[in-house]
C-alpha atoms as a PDB file:
ATOM      1  CA  MET A   1      29.830 -17.950  -0.282  1.00  0.00           C
ATOM      2  CA  ASP A   2      29.242 -14.717   2.007  1.00  0.00           C
ATOM      3  CA  SER A   3      31.897 -11.966   2.274  1.00  0.00           C
ATOM      4  CA  ILE A   4      32.956 -13.182   5.517  1.00  0.00           C
ATOM      5  CA  SER A   5      33.648 -16.924   4.388  1.00  0.00           C
ATOM      6  CA  ILE A   6      35.822 -15.393   1.382  1.00  0.00           C
ATOM      7  CA  LEU A   7      37.786 -13.027   3.625  1.00  0.00           C
ATOM      8  CA  ASP A   8      38.451 -16.300   6.013  1.00  0.00           C
ATOM      9  CA  GLU A   9      39.177 -18.340   3.074  1.00  0.00           C
ATOM     10  CA  LEU A  10      41.644 -15.662   1.665  1.00  0.00           C
ATOM     11  CA  LEU A  11      43.168 -15.097   4.885  1.00  0.00           C
ATOM     12  CA  GLY A  12      43.773 -18.713   5.151  1.00  0.00           C
ATOM     13  CA  LEU A  13      45.469 -19.111   1.720  1.00  0.00           C
ATOM     14  CA  MET A  14      47.789 -16.066   2.722  1.00  0.00           C
ATOM     15  CA  ALA A  15      48.549 -17.753   6.032  1.00  0.00           C
ATOM     16  CA  GLY A  16      49.290 -21.010   3.892  1.00  0.00           C
ATOM     17  CA  GLN A  17      51.775 -18.935   1.831  1.00  0.00           C
ATOM     18  CA  GLY A  18      53.380 -17.612   4.873  1.00  0.00           C
ATOM     19  CA  ILE A  19      52.116 -14.317   4.914  1.00  0.00           C
ATOM     20  CA  THR A  20      51.380 -13.318   8.775  1.00  0.00           C
ATOM     21  CA  MET A  21      48.105 -11.536   9.578  1.00  0.00           C
ATOM     22  CA  ARG A  22      47.485  -8.693  12.061  1.00  0.00           C
ATOM     23  CA  LYS A  23      43.955  -7.779  12.882  1.00  0.00           C
ATOM     24  CA  GLY A  24      42.872  -4.568  14.768  1.00  0.00           C
ATOM     25  CA  PRO A  25      40.832  -1.080  14.394  1.00  0.00           C
ATOM     26  CA  MET A  26      42.279   1.158  11.988  1.00  0.00           C
ATOM     27  CA  GLY A  27      39.849   3.564  11.276  1.00  0.00           C
ATOM     28  CA  GLY A  28      37.719   1.564   8.944  1.00  0.00           C
ATOM     29  CA  ASP A  29      39.544   2.630   5.509  1.00  0.00           C
ATOM     30  CA  GLY A  30      42.925   0.903   6.465  1.00  0.00           C
ATOM     31  CA  GLY A  31      44.475  -2.384   6.160  1.00  0.00           C
ATOM     32  CA  GLY A  32      46.429  -4.142   3.410  1.00  0.00           C
ATOM     33  CA  LEU A  33      49.858  -5.804   2.441  1.00  0.00           C
ATOM     34  CA  CYS A  34      53.155  -4.510   4.151  1.00  0.00           C
ATOM     35  CA  LYS A  35      56.592  -5.951   3.636  1.00  0.00           C
ATOM     36  CA  LEU A  36      58.895  -4.943   6.260  1.00  0.00           C
ATOM     37  CA  ARG A  37      62.562  -6.518   6.997  1.00  0.00           C
ATOM     38  CA  GLY A  38      61.903  -9.189   4.841  1.00  0.00           C
ATOM     39  CA  SER A  39      58.514 -10.341   6.399  1.00  0.00           C
ATOM     40  CA  THR A  40      55.362  -9.895   4.540  1.00  0.00           C
ATOM     41  CA  THR A  41      52.090  -9.057   6.782  1.00  0.00           C
ATOM     42  CA  PHE A  42      48.473  -8.669   5.809  1.00  0.00           C
ATOM     43  CA  PHE A  43      46.665  -6.114   8.080  1.00  0.00           C
ATOM     44  CA  VAL A  44      43.214  -6.528   8.548  1.00  0.00           C
ATOM     45  CA  ASP A  45      41.049  -3.387   9.619  1.00  0.00           C
ATOM     46  CA  THR A  46      38.496  -4.782  11.807  1.00  0.00           C
ATOM     47  CA  GLN A  47      36.525  -1.735  11.475  1.00  0.00           C
ATOM     48  CA  ALA A  48      36.334  -2.150   7.653  1.00  0.00           C
ATOM     49  CA  ASP A  49      33.767  -3.336   5.551  1.00  0.00           C
ATOM     50  CA  THR A  50      34.198  -7.060   5.324  1.00  0.00           C
ATOM     51  CA  MET A  51      33.604  -6.833   1.412  1.00  0.00           C
ATOM     52  CA  GLU A  52      36.165  -4.082   1.202  1.00  0.00           C
ATOM     53  CA  MET A  53      38.708  -6.186   3.444  1.00  0.00           C
ATOM     54  CA  ALA A  54      38.071  -9.095   1.158  1.00  0.00           C
ATOM     55  CA  VAL A  55      38.842  -7.355  -2.197  1.00  0.00           C
ATOM     56  CA  LYS A  56      42.212  -5.952  -0.382  1.00  0.00           C
ATOM     57  CA  ALA A  57      42.965  -9.461   0.384  1.00  0.00           C
ATOM     58  CA  ALA A  58      42.368 -10.932  -3.010  1.00  0.00           C
ATOM     59  CA  LYS A  59      44.431  -8.232  -4.549  1.00  0.00           C
ATOM     60  CA  ALA A  60      47.413  -8.634  -2.059  1.00  0.00           C
ATOM     61  CA  LEU A  61      47.267 -12.495  -2.498  1.00  0.00           C
ATOM     62  CA  VAL A  62      47.468 -12.225  -6.392  1.00  0.00           C
ATOM     63  CA  SER A  63      50.396 -10.021  -6.181  1.00  0.00           C
ATOM     64  CA  MET A  64      52.355 -12.186  -3.630  1.00  0.00           C
ATOM     65  CA  VAL A  65      51.245 -15.868  -4.799  1.00  0.00           C
ATOM     66  CA  ASP A  66      51.328 -17.579  -8.290  1.00  0.00           C
ATOM     67  CA  MET A  67      47.804 -18.379  -8.315  1.00  0.00           C
ATOM     68  CA  GLU A  68      48.398 -21.449 -10.742  1.00  0.00           C
ATOM     69  CA  LYS A  69      50.442 -23.130  -8.042  1.00  0.00           C
ATOM     70  CA  ILE A  70      48.021 -23.051  -5.141  1.00  0.00           C
ATOM     71  CA  PHE A  71      44.287 -24.975  -5.214  1.00  0.00           C
ATOM     72  CA  ILE A  72      41.665 -22.251  -4.888  1.00  0.00           C
ATOM     73  CA  LYS A  73      38.132 -23.350  -4.206  1.00  0.00           C
ATOM     74  CA  PRO A  74      36.072 -22.263  -7.804  1.00  0.00           C
ATOM     75  CA  GLN A  75      33.714 -19.770  -6.061  1.00  0.00           C
ATOM     76  CA  LEU A  76      36.773 -18.302  -4.430  1.00  0.00           C
ATOM     77  CA  ARG A  77      38.942 -18.092  -7.726  1.00  0.00           C
ATOM     78  CA  GLN A  78      35.975 -16.218  -9.280  1.00  0.00           C
ATOM     79  CA  PHE A  79      36.110 -13.850  -6.669  1.00  0.00           C
ATOM     80  CA  ILE A  80      39.832 -13.387  -6.937  1.00  0.00           C
ATOM     81  CA  ASP A  81      39.526 -13.057 -10.839  1.00  0.00           C
ATOM     82  CA  GLN A  82      36.582 -10.367 -10.552  1.00  0.00           C
ATOM     83  CA  TYR A  83      37.808  -8.137  -7.906  1.00  0.00           C
ATOM     84  CA  SER A  84      41.589  -8.279  -8.490  1.00  0.00           C
ATOM     85  CA  ALA A  85      41.767  -7.809 -12.380  1.00  0.00           C
ATOM     86  CA  ASP A  86      43.385  -4.448 -12.040  1.00  0.00           C
ATOM     87  CA  LYS A  87      45.793  -5.859  -9.271  1.00  0.00           C
ATOM     88  CA  ALA A  88      45.700  -2.009  -7.745  1.00  0.00           C
END
């Protein structure tokens, strides 16, 4: 899977868990997870590197979702395990 496919899959998993998405230019170093007034939103910086946003999405997903309770494609799970190990 390429980084665009990985990011798309991760965003789809997040949406399936009730996390909303907002996409827009944020200077290339923005994006990430935000909780505000009971709502969880993941901001996608359209100016950022796709791989960087995929890593941020993987870390956000791990922090918000019980990964054992949802089906995740093996290649995607491997990516999540590799890049979210520190969960930071």
